[in-house]
N, C-alpha and C. Protein backbone atom coordinates (compact mmCIF):
# COMPACT_ATOMS: atom_id res chain seq x y z
N GLY A 1 -0.55 -7.13 20.99
CA GLY A 1 -1.72 -8.02 20.95
C GLY A 1 -2.57 -8.17 22.62
N ILE A 2 -3.15 -9.36 22.22
CA ILE A 2 -3.99 -9.98 23.73
C ILE A 2 -4.16 -11.73 23.59
N ASN A 3 -3.77 -11.93 25.42
CA ASN A 3 -3.48 -13.20 24.99
C ASN A 3 -4.88 -13.72 25.59
N LYS A 4 -4.62 -15.13 26.18
CA LYS A 4 -5.89 -16.00 25.90
C LYS A 4 -6.35 -16.02 27.18
N ASN A 5 -6.12 -14.75 28.34
CA ASN A 5 -6.88 -13.84 29.77
C ASN A 5 -6.89 -13.29 29.09
N GLY A 6 -7.27 -12.43 29.04
CA GLY A 6 -8.11 -10.78 27.82
C GLY A 6 -6.79 -9.73 28.32
N LYS A 7 -6.11 -10.64 28.15
CA LYS A 7 -4.56 -8.90 29.22
C LYS A 7 -3.85 -8.96 28.05
N THR A 8 -3.06 -7.18 27.48
CA THR A 8 -2.40 -7.07 26.79
C THR A 8 -0.90 -7.37 27.10
N ALA A 9 -0.79 -8.45 25.28
CA ALA A 9 0.76 -8.69 25.90
C ALA A 9 1.48 -8.09 25.77
N PRO A 10 2.47 -8.35 26.31
CA PRO A 10 3.81 -6.96 26.95
C PRO A 10 4.64 -7.55 25.18
N ARG A 11 4.43 -6.35 25.25
CA ARG A 11 5.87 -6.25 23.87
C ARG A 11 7.04 -6.20 24.53
N PRO A 12 7.77 -6.89 23.49
CA PRO A 12 9.56 -6.74 23.60
C PRO A 12 9.54 -6.22 23.91
N LYS A 13 10.59 -4.80 24.01
CA LYS A 13 11.33 -3.81 24.27
C LYS A 13 11.96 -3.92 23.71
N GLU A 14 12.83 -4.54 22.81
CA GLU A 14 14.08 -4.70 21.70
C GLU A 14 13.89 -4.59 20.17
N TYR A 15 12.60 -4.42 20.55
CA TYR A 15 11.85 -3.93 19.05
C TYR A 15 12.06 -2.69 18.57
N THR A 16 11.06 -2.42 16.94
CA THR A 16 11.65 -0.95 16.48
C THR A 16 9.56 -1.45 16.45
N TYR A 17 9.31 0.12 17.06
CA TYR A 17 7.92 -0.51 16.66
C TYR A 17 7.53 0.90 14.92
N ASP A 18 7.17 0.63 14.13
CA ASP A 18 6.23 1.79 13.30
C ASP A 18 4.77 1.77 13.69
N ILE A 19 4.63 2.79 13.48
CA ILE A 19 2.81 3.61 13.83
C ILE A 19 2.14 4.30 12.71
N TYR A 20 1.06 3.63 12.07
CA TYR A 20 0.24 3.83 11.93
C TYR A 20 -1.26 4.50 12.07
N GLU A 21 -1.33 5.18 11.52
CA GLU A 21 -2.56 6.25 11.46
C GLU A 21 -3.48 6.15 10.33
N VAL A 22 -4.41 5.67 10.18
CA VAL A 22 -5.63 6.06 9.32
C VAL A 22 -6.61 6.31 9.32
N LYS A 23 -6.77 6.96 7.71
CA LYS A 23 -7.91 8.29 8.02
C LYS A 23 -8.64 8.38 6.56
N PRO A 24 -9.51 8.29 6.73
CA PRO A 24 -9.94 8.04 5.66
C PRO A 24 -11.00 8.98 4.46
N TYR A 25 -9.84 10.49 4.74
CA TYR A 25 -10.13 11.12 3.91
C TYR A 25 -10.11 11.49 2.59
N ASP A 26 -10.69 12.01 1.81
CA ASP A 26 -10.08 11.85 0.08
C ASP A 26 -8.55 13.19 0.09
N SER A 27 -8.20 13.80 1.05
CA SER A 27 -7.38 14.33 0.78
C SER A 27 -6.40 14.41 1.46
N PRO A 28 -5.15 14.45 0.88
CA PRO A 28 -4.39 13.57 1.48
C PRO A 28 -3.21 14.16 2.61
N THR A 29 -3.71 15.64 2.63
CA THR A 29 -3.54 16.32 3.38
C THR A 29 -4.35 16.57 3.99
N GLU A 30 -5.43 16.75 3.64
CA GLU A 30 -5.87 16.64 5.38
C GLU A 30 -6.07 15.23 6.34
N CYS A 31 -5.47 14.00 6.12
CA CYS A 31 -5.42 13.13 6.86
C CYS A 31 -4.65 13.42 7.06
N ILE A 32 -2.80 13.60 6.68
CA ILE A 32 -2.00 14.33 7.16
C ILE A 32 -1.80 15.14 8.58
N ARG A 33 -2.80 16.06 8.42
CA ARG A 33 -3.01 18.14 9.28
C ARG A 33 -3.78 16.87 10.68
N GLU A 34 -4.75 15.41 10.60
CA GLU A 34 -5.41 14.61 11.14
C GLU A 34 -4.11 14.26 12.15
N ALA A 35 -4.09 12.90 11.29
CA ALA A 35 -2.45 11.94 11.96
C ALA A 35 -1.63 12.99 12.50
N LEU A 36 -1.63 13.84 12.45
CA LEU A 36 -0.08 14.46 12.95
C LEU A 36 0.12 13.98 14.69
N GLY A 37 -1.09 15.08 15.16
CA GLY A 37 -1.37 14.93 16.64
C GLY A 37 -1.53 13.93 16.93
N GLN A 38 -1.69 12.67 16.56
CA GLN A 38 -2.18 11.44 16.97
C GLN A 38 -1.06 10.63 17.11
N LEU A 39 -0.50 10.58 15.82
CA LEU A 39 1.52 10.32 16.08
C LEU A 39 1.97 10.27 16.85
N LEU A 40 2.48 11.94 17.65
CA LEU A 40 3.45 12.28 17.50
C LEU A 40 2.30 11.72 19.29
N TYR A 41 1.68 12.10 19.92
CA TYR A 41 0.97 11.22 21.52
C TYR A 41 1.62 10.25 21.07
N TYR A 42 1.23 9.08 20.23
CA TYR A 42 1.55 7.53 19.92
C TYR A 42 3.23 7.83 20.17
N LYS A 43 3.31 8.76 19.76
CA LYS A 43 5.38 8.35 19.72
C LYS A 43 5.63 8.67 21.16
N TYR A 44 5.26 9.42 21.98
CA TYR A 44 5.31 9.94 23.17
C TYR A 44 5.08 8.71 24.22
N MET A 45 4.10 8.30 23.97
CA MET A 45 3.24 6.97 24.82
C MET A 45 4.74 5.88 24.77
N PHE A 46 4.87 5.53 23.42
CA PHE A 46 5.43 4.53 23.64
C PHE A 46 6.94 4.75 23.96
N GLU A 47 7.10 5.75 23.50
CA GLU A 47 9.15 6.25 24.08
C GLU A 47 8.99 6.61 25.79
N LYS A 48 8.19 7.11 26.38
CA LYS A 48 7.57 6.56 27.80
C LYS A 48 7.87 5.04 28.29
N ASN A 49 7.33 4.88 27.54
CA ASN A 49 6.65 3.48 28.28
C ASN A 49 8.72 2.52 27.67
N ARG A 50 10.02 3.83 26.89
CA ARG A 50 11.21 2.39 26.71
C ARG A 50 10.83 1.57 25.54
N TYR A 51 9.33 2.03 24.41
CA TYR A 51 9.98 1.05 23.25
C TYR A 51 10.65 2.32 22.37
N THR A 52 10.83 1.74 21.66
CA THR A 52 11.50 2.18 20.54
C THR A 52 11.46 2.19 19.88
N VAL A 53 10.91 3.56 18.57
CA VAL A 53 9.75 4.22 17.61
C VAL A 53 10.64 3.73 16.63
N GLY A 54 10.06 3.21 14.94
CA GLY A 54 10.41 3.71 14.34
C GLY A 54 10.06 4.94 13.24
N LYS A 55 9.30 4.28 12.52
CA LYS A 55 8.11 5.39 11.46
C LYS A 55 6.81 6.04 11.90
N LEU A 56 6.83 6.72 11.33
CA LEU A 56 5.12 7.64 12.30
C LEU A 56 4.62 7.82 10.73
N ILE A 57 4.00 7.37 10.49
CA ILE A 57 3.59 6.40 9.02
C ILE A 57 1.82 6.80 8.13
N VAL A 58 1.36 8.17 8.19
CA VAL A 58 -0.21 8.61 7.40
C VAL A 58 -0.26 7.40 6.35
N VAL A 59 -1.36 6.92 7.19
CA VAL A 59 -2.16 6.46 5.63
C VAL A 59 -4.18 6.83 5.18
N GLY A 60 -3.73 6.83 3.89
CA GLY A 60 -4.77 7.39 3.30
C GLY A 60 -5.62 6.85 1.88
N LYS A 61 -6.64 6.94 1.54
CA LYS A 61 -6.94 6.35 0.03
C LYS A 61 -6.27 6.74 -0.83
N ASN A 62 -5.81 8.23 -1.47
CA ASN A 62 -5.54 8.62 -2.86
C ASN A 62 -3.62 8.93 -2.17
N ALA A 63 -3.44 9.55 -3.67
CA ALA A 63 -2.08 9.71 -4.40
C ALA A 63 -1.69 10.71 -3.78
N LEU A 64 -0.41 11.37 -2.91
CA LEU A 64 -0.51 12.44 -3.12
C LEU A 64 -0.68 13.76 -3.84
N THR A 65 -1.26 15.53 -4.09
CA THR A 65 -0.21 15.58 -5.26
C THR A 65 0.60 16.25 -4.96
N GLU A 66 1.23 17.32 -5.71
CA GLU A 66 1.55 18.36 -5.39
C GLU A 66 2.24 18.58 -4.62
N VAL A 67 0.82 19.46 -4.66
CA VAL A 67 1.20 20.48 -2.88
C VAL A 67 0.75 19.22 -2.01
N ASP A 68 -0.30 18.06 -1.67
CA ASP A 68 0.44 17.61 -0.79
C ASP A 68 1.46 16.99 -0.45
N GLN A 69 2.47 16.95 -1.31
CA GLN A 69 3.81 16.60 -1.42
C GLN A 69 4.84 17.75 -1.16
N GLN A 70 4.37 18.93 -1.23
CA GLN A 70 5.34 19.79 -0.16
C GLN A 70 4.50 20.27 0.72
N TYR A 71 3.82 20.06 0.51
CA TYR A 71 2.96 19.66 2.60
C TYR A 71 3.97 19.00 3.90
N LEU A 72 3.65 17.73 3.16
CA LEU A 72 4.71 16.35 3.71
C LEU A 72 6.36 17.30 3.27
N ASP A 73 6.61 17.62 3.09
CA ASP A 73 7.92 18.60 2.91
C ASP A 73 8.26 19.28 4.24
N GLU A 74 6.97 20.09 3.92
CA GLU A 74 7.60 21.10 5.68
C GLU A 74 7.52 20.21 6.40
N ILE A 75 6.70 19.74 6.35
CA ILE A 75 6.40 18.88 8.25
C ILE A 75 8.05 17.64 8.12
N ASN A 76 8.75 17.00 7.90
CA ASN A 76 9.74 16.73 7.01
C ASN A 76 10.74 17.50 7.68
N ASN A 77 10.02 18.99 7.00
CA ASN A 77 12.29 19.55 6.88
C ASN A 77 11.91 20.28 8.53
N SER A 78 11.43 20.77 9.13
CA SER A 78 10.60 20.60 10.70
C SER A 78 11.59 20.32 11.98
N GLY A 79 12.00 18.73 11.08
CA GLY A 79 12.13 18.06 12.12
C GLY A 79 11.25 16.68 12.22
N ILE A 80 10.04 16.60 12.28
CA ILE A 80 8.63 16.09 12.29
C ILE A 80 8.83 14.85 11.47
N LYS A 81 9.65 13.77 11.67
CA LYS A 81 9.36 13.12 10.47
C LYS A 81 8.36 11.94 10.35
N ILE A 82 7.64 12.52 9.31
CA ILE A 82 6.52 11.43 8.76
C ILE A 82 5.92 10.55 7.48
N GLU A 83 5.48 9.82 7.39
CA GLU A 83 5.62 9.26 5.80
C GLU A 83 4.59 9.63 4.85
N TYR A 84 3.68 9.08 4.49
CA TYR A 84 2.62 8.70 3.96
C TYR A 84 1.91 7.73 2.78
N LEU A 85 1.35 6.19 3.34
CA LEU A 85 0.64 5.24 2.69
C LEU A 85 -0.28 5.43 1.91
N GLN A 86 0.13 5.36 0.25
CA GLN A 86 -1.59 4.86 -0.15
C GLN A 86 -2.21 4.17 0.01
N ILE A 87 -3.28 3.20 0.58
CA ILE A 87 -3.58 2.70 0.11
C ILE A 87 -4.94 2.67 -0.35
N PRO A 88 -5.37 2.50 -1.71
CA PRO A 88 -6.97 2.69 -2.28
C PRO A 88 -8.11 1.94 -2.01
N ILE A 89 -9.25 2.66 -1.53
CA ILE A 89 -9.90 1.37 -1.50
C ILE A 89 -11.13 0.97 -2.89
N LYS A 90 -11.53 -0.24 -2.33
CA LYS A 90 -11.77 -0.70 -3.89
C LYS A 90 -13.57 -0.53 -3.64
């Protein structure tokens, strides 16, 4: 948030922050692949500054197919936990 002086408002450290990365691609797998590095970097930066990170969420416009879900499951099974959220564009 930005305060009235144009400065970034401090975030309370006691909160848990979910981080969203929105991607415009038709393929959920491409959205996940492109967002993964950014989400991990944001998580690192938040935790480096002593903020608590909750969920890492990729947002895309199309629903996961079976193949997309398998890719997401493989990532989650590796120890990196991310979610996919579909928000259709009308």
